[in-house]
Amino acid sequence: MGIVKTYEALANAQAKELDLVEISPQANPPVCRIVNFSKFKYEMDKKEKEAKKKQKISQVKEIRIRPRIGEHDLEVKIKHAREFIADGDKVQLTAMFSGREMQHKDLGIKIMDKIKESLSDVADPEGRTSSMGTRVFMTLAPKKNVK
């Protein structure tokens, strides 16, 4: 219809028994449409739901290990971490120490480095390996270019 005065647009909408809906208020002049408002609102809600379906919500999955973990058990944990990363989730690795194991935190850090090295093709570490109390933490995030 082109550029029309507001009162003329409202009169046109009332004549057609429809509503005048502002589509783009930031435009100069603002863009409006003559439509059934309830149908327009339904269509907008439908588009929003469709957009939400396409979004991937990333989670942080935790994998716990002990400093004296067996070789096969470690491989299973690495396999699980690889699956989580393939799904687009972050993986937090936690090495837990108890009793006299606390004197050998270097074993936990070596295991973390081994895991980091074996997953380097699909994940990048977020920050450094950190220690707090009886635990050593490391977070791995999926690489951007690997699917």
C-alpha atoms as a PDB file:
ATOM      1  CA  MET A   1       0.000   0.000   0.000  1.00  0.00           C
ATOM      2  CA  GLY A   2       3.001   2.280   0.456  1.00  0.00           C
ATOM      3  CA  ILE A   3       3.295   5.006   3.077  1.00  0.00           C
ATOM      4  CA  VAL A   4      -0.126   5.705   4.608  1.00  0.00           C
ATOM      5  CA  LYS A   5      -1.115   7.899   7.540  1.00  0.00           C
ATOM      6  CA  THR A   6      -1.930   6.048  10.759  1.00  0.00           C
ATOM      7  CA  TYR A   7      -5.608   7.010  10.892  1.00  0.00           C
ATOM      8  CA  GLU A   8      -6.075   5.908   7.251  1.00  0.00           C
ATOM      9  CA  ALA A   9      -4.408   2.536   7.973  1.00  0.00           C
ATOM     10  CA  LEU A  10      -6.654   2.040  11.028  1.00  0.00           C
ATOM     11  CA  ALA A  11      -9.731   2.883   8.951  1.00  0.00           C
ATOM     12  CA  ASN A  12      -8.665   0.362   6.269  1.00  0.00           C
ATOM     13  CA  ALA A  13      -8.146  -2.324   8.935  1.00  0.00           C
ATOM     14  CA  GLN A  14     -11.550  -1.663  10.528  1.00  0.00           C
ATOM     15  CA  ALA A  15     -13.233  -1.752   7.115  1.00  0.00           C
ATOM     16  CA  LYS A  16     -11.762  -5.238   6.497  1.00  0.00           C
ATOM     17  CA  GLU A  17     -12.560  -6.297  10.101  1.00  0.00           C
ATOM     18  CA  LEU A  18      -8.871  -7.015  10.760  1.00  0.00           C
ATOM     19  CA  ASP A  19      -6.156  -5.553  12.993  1.00  0.00           C
ATOM     20  CA  LEU A  20      -3.302  -3.142  12.248  1.00  0.00           C
ATOM     21  CA  VAL A  21      -0.138  -4.844  13.530  1.00  0.00           C
ATOM     22  CA  GLU A  22       3.246  -3.099  13.783  1.00  0.00           C
ATOM     23  CA  ILE A  23       5.825  -5.484  12.301  1.00  0.00           C
ATOM     24  CA  SER A  24       9.025  -3.444  12.444  1.00  0.00           C
ATOM     25  CA  PRO A  25       8.912  -0.465  14.853  1.00  0.00           C
ATOM     26  CA  GLN A  26      12.603   0.444  14.346  1.00  0.00           C
ATOM     27  CA  ALA A  27      12.175   1.107  10.614  1.00  0.00           C
ATOM     28  CA  ASN A  28      11.635   4.635   9.394  1.00  0.00           C
ATOM     29  CA  PRO A  29       8.654   4.850   8.816  1.00  0.00           C
ATOM     30  CA  PRO A  30       7.482   1.899  10.962  1.00  0.00           C
ATOM     31  CA  VAL A  31       6.242  -1.107   8.998  1.00  0.00           C
ATOM     32  CA  CYS A  32       2.679  -2.246   9.737  1.00  0.00           C
ATOM     33  CA  ARG A  33       0.421  -4.944   8.352  1.00  0.00           C
ATOM     34  CA  ILE A  34      -3.323  -5.462   8.231  1.00  0.00           C
ATOM     35  CA  VAL A  35      -3.862  -9.020   9.534  1.00  0.00           C
ATOM     36  CA  ASN A  36      -5.913 -11.043  11.992  1.00  0.00           C
ATOM     37  CA  PHE A  37      -3.907 -10.473  15.204  1.00  0.00           C
ATOM     38  CA  SER A  38      -4.660 -13.841  16.832  1.00  0.00           C
ATOM     39  CA  LYS A  39      -3.523 -15.660  13.665  1.00  0.00           C
ATOM     40  CA  PHE A  40      -0.395 -13.468  13.494  1.00  0.00           C
ATOM     41  CA  LYS A  41       0.411 -14.193  17.163  1.00  0.00           C
ATOM     42  CA  TYR A  42      -0.077 -17.939  16.581  1.00  0.00           C
ATOM     43  CA  GLU A  43       2.340 -17.868  13.614  1.00  0.00           C
ATOM     44  CA  MET A  44       4.973 -15.987  15.657  1.00  0.00           C
ATOM     45  CA  ASP A  45       4.706 -18.492  18.529  1.00  0.00           C
ATOM     46  CA  LYS A  46       5.069 -21.320  16.036  1.00  0.00           C
ATOM     47  CA  LYS A  47       8.256 -19.765  14.596  1.00  0.00           C
ATOM     48  CA  GLU A  48       9.729 -19.307  18.092  1.00  0.00           C
ATOM     49  CA  LYS A  49       9.070 -22.959  19.005  1.00  0.00           C
ATOM     50  CA  GLU A  50      10.694 -24.097  15.762  1.00  0.00           C
ATOM     51  CA  ALA A  51      13.762 -21.957  16.497  1.00  0.00           C
ATOM     52  CA  LYS A  52      14.024 -23.424  20.023  1.00  0.00           C
ATOM     53  CA  LYS A  53      13.964 -26.967  18.624  1.00  0.00           C
ATOM     54  CA  LYS A  54      16.997 -26.234  16.481  1.00  0.00           C
ATOM     55  CA  GLN A  55      19.078 -24.903  19.385  1.00  0.00           C
ATOM     56  CA  LYS A  56      21.563 -27.257  21.017  1.00  0.00           C
ATOM     57  CA  ILE A  57      21.917 -26.809  24.758  1.00  0.00           C
ATOM     58  CA  SER A  58      25.416 -27.720  25.860  1.00  0.00           C
ATOM     59  CA  GLN A  59      25.865 -29.493  29.169  1.00  0.00           C
ATOM     60  CA  VAL A  60      28.889 -30.215  31.331  1.00  0.00           C
ATOM     61  CA  LYS A  61      29.358 -33.944  31.870  1.00  0.00           C
ATOM     62  CA  GLU A  62      31.609 -35.074  34.706  1.00  0.00           C
ATOM     63  CA  ILE A  63      33.907 -38.073  34.555  1.00  0.00           C
ATOM     64  CA  ARG A  64      35.510 -39.123  37.822  1.00  0.00           C
ATOM     65  CA  ILE A  65      38.734 -41.075  38.035  1.00  0.00           C
ATOM     66  CA  ARG A  66      41.039 -42.299  40.777  1.00  0.00           C
ATOM     67  CA  PRO A  67      44.845 -41.953  40.671  1.00  0.00           C
ATOM     68  CA  ARG A  68      45.337 -45.734  40.636  1.00  0.00           C
ATOM     69  CA  ILE A  69      42.880 -46.416  37.793  1.00  0.00           C
ATOM     70  CA  GLY A  70      43.563 -49.445  35.623  1.00  0.00           C
ATOM     71  CA  GLU A  71      44.595 -49.068  31.974  1.00  0.00           C
ATOM     72  CA  HIS A  72      41.405 -50.604  30.581  1.00  0.00           C
ATOM     73  CA  ASP A  73      39.200 -48.571  32.930  1.00  0.00           C
ATOM     74  CA  LEU A  74      40.956 -45.408  31.776  1.00  0.00           C
ATOM     75  CA  GLU A  75      40.332 -46.335  28.128  1.00  0.00           C
ATOM     76  CA  VAL A  76      36.617 -46.806  28.898  1.00  0.00           C
ATOM     77  CA  LYS A  77      36.497 -43.376  30.572  1.00  0.00           C
ATOM     78  CA  ILE A  78      38.233 -41.816  27.549  1.00  0.00           C
ATOM     79  CA  LYS A  79      35.719 -43.521  25.250  1.00  0.00           C
ATOM     80  CA  HIS A  80      32.812 -42.063  27.269  1.00  0.00           C
ATOM     81  CA  ALA A  81      34.431 -38.607  27.192  1.00  0.00           C
ATOM     82  CA  ARG A  82      34.826 -38.891  23.405  1.00  0.00           C
ATOM     83  CA  GLU A  83      31.094 -39.721  23.078  1.00  0.00           C
ATOM     84  CA  PHE A  84      30.100 -36.751  25.253  1.00  0.00           C
ATOM     85  CA  ILE A  85      32.303 -34.409  23.216  1.00  0.00           C
ATOM     86  CA  ALA A  86      30.877 -35.808  19.959  1.00  0.00           C
ATOM     87  CA  ASP A  87      27.403 -34.861  21.257  1.00  0.00           C
ATOM     88  CA  GLY A  88      28.645 -31.283  21.749  1.00  0.00           C
ATOM     89  CA  ASP A  89      28.894 -31.391  25.538  1.00  0.00           C
ATOM     90  CA  LYS A  90      31.792 -30.200  27.671  1.00  0.00           C
ATOM     91  CA  VAL A  91      33.545 -32.783  29.845  1.00  0.00           C
ATOM     92  CA  GLN A  92      34.870 -32.070  33.324  1.00  0.00           C
ATOM     93  CA  LEU A  93      37.445 -34.616  34.433  1.00  0.00           C
ATOM     94  CA  THR A  94      37.834 -35.000  38.196  1.00  0.00           C
ATOM     95  CA  ALA A  95      40.615 -36.998  39.825  1.00  0.00           C
ATOM     96  CA  MET A  96      39.695 -37.801  43.431  1.00  0.00           C
ATOM     97  CA  PHE A  97      42.285 -38.545  46.104  1.00  0.00           C
ATOM     98  CA  SER A  98      41.870 -40.025  49.544  1.00  0.00           C
ATOM     99  CA  GLY A  99      44.192 -40.772  52.432  1.00  0.00           C
ATOM    100  CA  ARG A 100      47.819 -41.258  51.466  1.00  0.00           C
ATOM    101  CA  GLU A 101      47.026 -40.726  47.798  1.00  0.00           C
ATOM    102  CA  MET A 102      47.063 -36.982  48.601  1.00  0.00           C
ATOM    103  CA  GLN A 103      50.871 -37.120  48.732  1.00  0.00           C
ATOM    104  CA  HIS A 104      50.950 -38.173  45.058  1.00  0.00           C
ATOM    105  CA  LYS A 105      48.832 -35.586  43.264  1.00  0.00           C
ATOM    106  CA  ASP A 106      51.364 -35.759  40.443  1.00  0.00           C
ATOM    107  CA  LEU A 107      49.872 -39.164  39.483  1.00  0.00           C
ATOM    108  CA  GLY A 108      46.463 -37.547  38.998  1.00  0.00           C
ATOM    109  CA  ILE A 109      47.970 -34.760  36.924  1.00  0.00           C
ATOM    110  CA  LYS A 110      49.797 -37.324  34.751  1.00  0.00           C
ATOM    111  CA  ILE A 111      46.508 -39.146  34.140  1.00  0.00           C
ATOM    112  CA  MET A 112      44.839 -35.839  33.227  1.00  0.00           C
ATOM    113  CA  ASP A 113      47.650 -35.076  30.765  1.00  0.00           C
ATOM    114  CA  LYS A 114      47.276 -38.541  29.241  1.00  0.00           C
ATOM    115  CA  ILE A 115      43.528 -38.036  28.780  1.00  0.00           C
ATOM    116  CA  LYS A 116      44.074 -34.545  27.367  1.00  0.00           C
ATOM    117  CA  GLU A 117      46.594 -35.934  24.865  1.00  0.00           C
ATOM    118  CA  SER A 118      44.335 -38.804  23.755  1.00  0.00           C
ATOM    119  CA  LEU A 119      41.373 -36.434  23.242  1.00  0.00           C
ATOM    120  CA  SER A 120      43.393 -33.642  21.612  1.00  0.00           C
ATOM    121  CA  ASP A 121      41.948 -34.482  18.168  1.00  0.00           C
ATOM    122  CA  VAL A 122      38.359 -33.675  19.267  1.00  0.00           C
ATOM    123  CA  ALA A 123      38.667 -31.398  22.328  1.00  0.00           C
ATOM    124  CA  ASP A 124      40.593 -28.430  23.665  1.00  0.00           C
ATOM    125  CA  PRO A 125      41.213 -27.819  27.378  1.00  0.00           C
ATOM    126  CA  GLU A 126      39.477 -24.841  28.952  1.00  0.00           C
ATOM    127  CA  GLY A 127      42.031 -23.267  31.225  1.00  0.00           C
ATOM    128  CA  ARG A 128      44.605 -25.207  33.179  1.00  0.00           C
ATOM    129  CA  THR A 129      44.390 -28.295  35.321  1.00  0.00           C
ATOM    130  CA  SER A 130      43.452 -27.002  38.767  1.00  0.00           C
ATOM    131  CA  SER A 131      43.530 -28.508  42.224  1.00  0.00           C
ATOM    132  CA  MET A 132      41.153 -27.912  45.101  1.00  0.00           C
ATOM    133  CA  GLY A 133      41.299 -29.913  48.301  1.00  0.00           C
ATOM    134  CA  THR A 134      41.222 -33.632  47.543  1.00  0.00           C
ATOM    135  CA  ARG A 135      40.431 -33.202  43.837  1.00  0.00           C
ATOM    136  CA  VAL A 136      42.148 -32.223  40.600  1.00  0.00           C
ATOM    137  CA  PHE A 137      39.952 -30.740  37.829  1.00  0.00           C
ATOM    138  CA  MET A 138      40.239 -30.239  34.093  1.00  0.00           C
ATOM    139  CA  THR A 139      37.522 -29.174  31.645  1.00  0.00           C
ATOM    140  CA  LEU A 140      37.556 -30.131  27.959  1.00  0.00           C
ATOM    141  CA  ALA A 141      35.388 -28.398  25.350  1.00  0.00           C
ATOM    142  CA  PRO A 142      34.686 -29.686  21.833  1.00  0.00           C
ATOM    143  CA  LYS A 143      36.802 -28.164  19.071  1.00  0.00           C
ATOM    144  CA  LYS A 144      34.933 -25.685  16.919  1.00  0.00           C
ATOM    145  CA  ASN A 145      35.913 -27.119  13.525  1.00  0.00           C
ATOM    146  CA  VAL A 146      35.419 -30.828  14.337  1.00  0.00           C
ATOM    147  CA  LYS A 147      31.943 -32.337  13.974  1.00  0.00           C
END
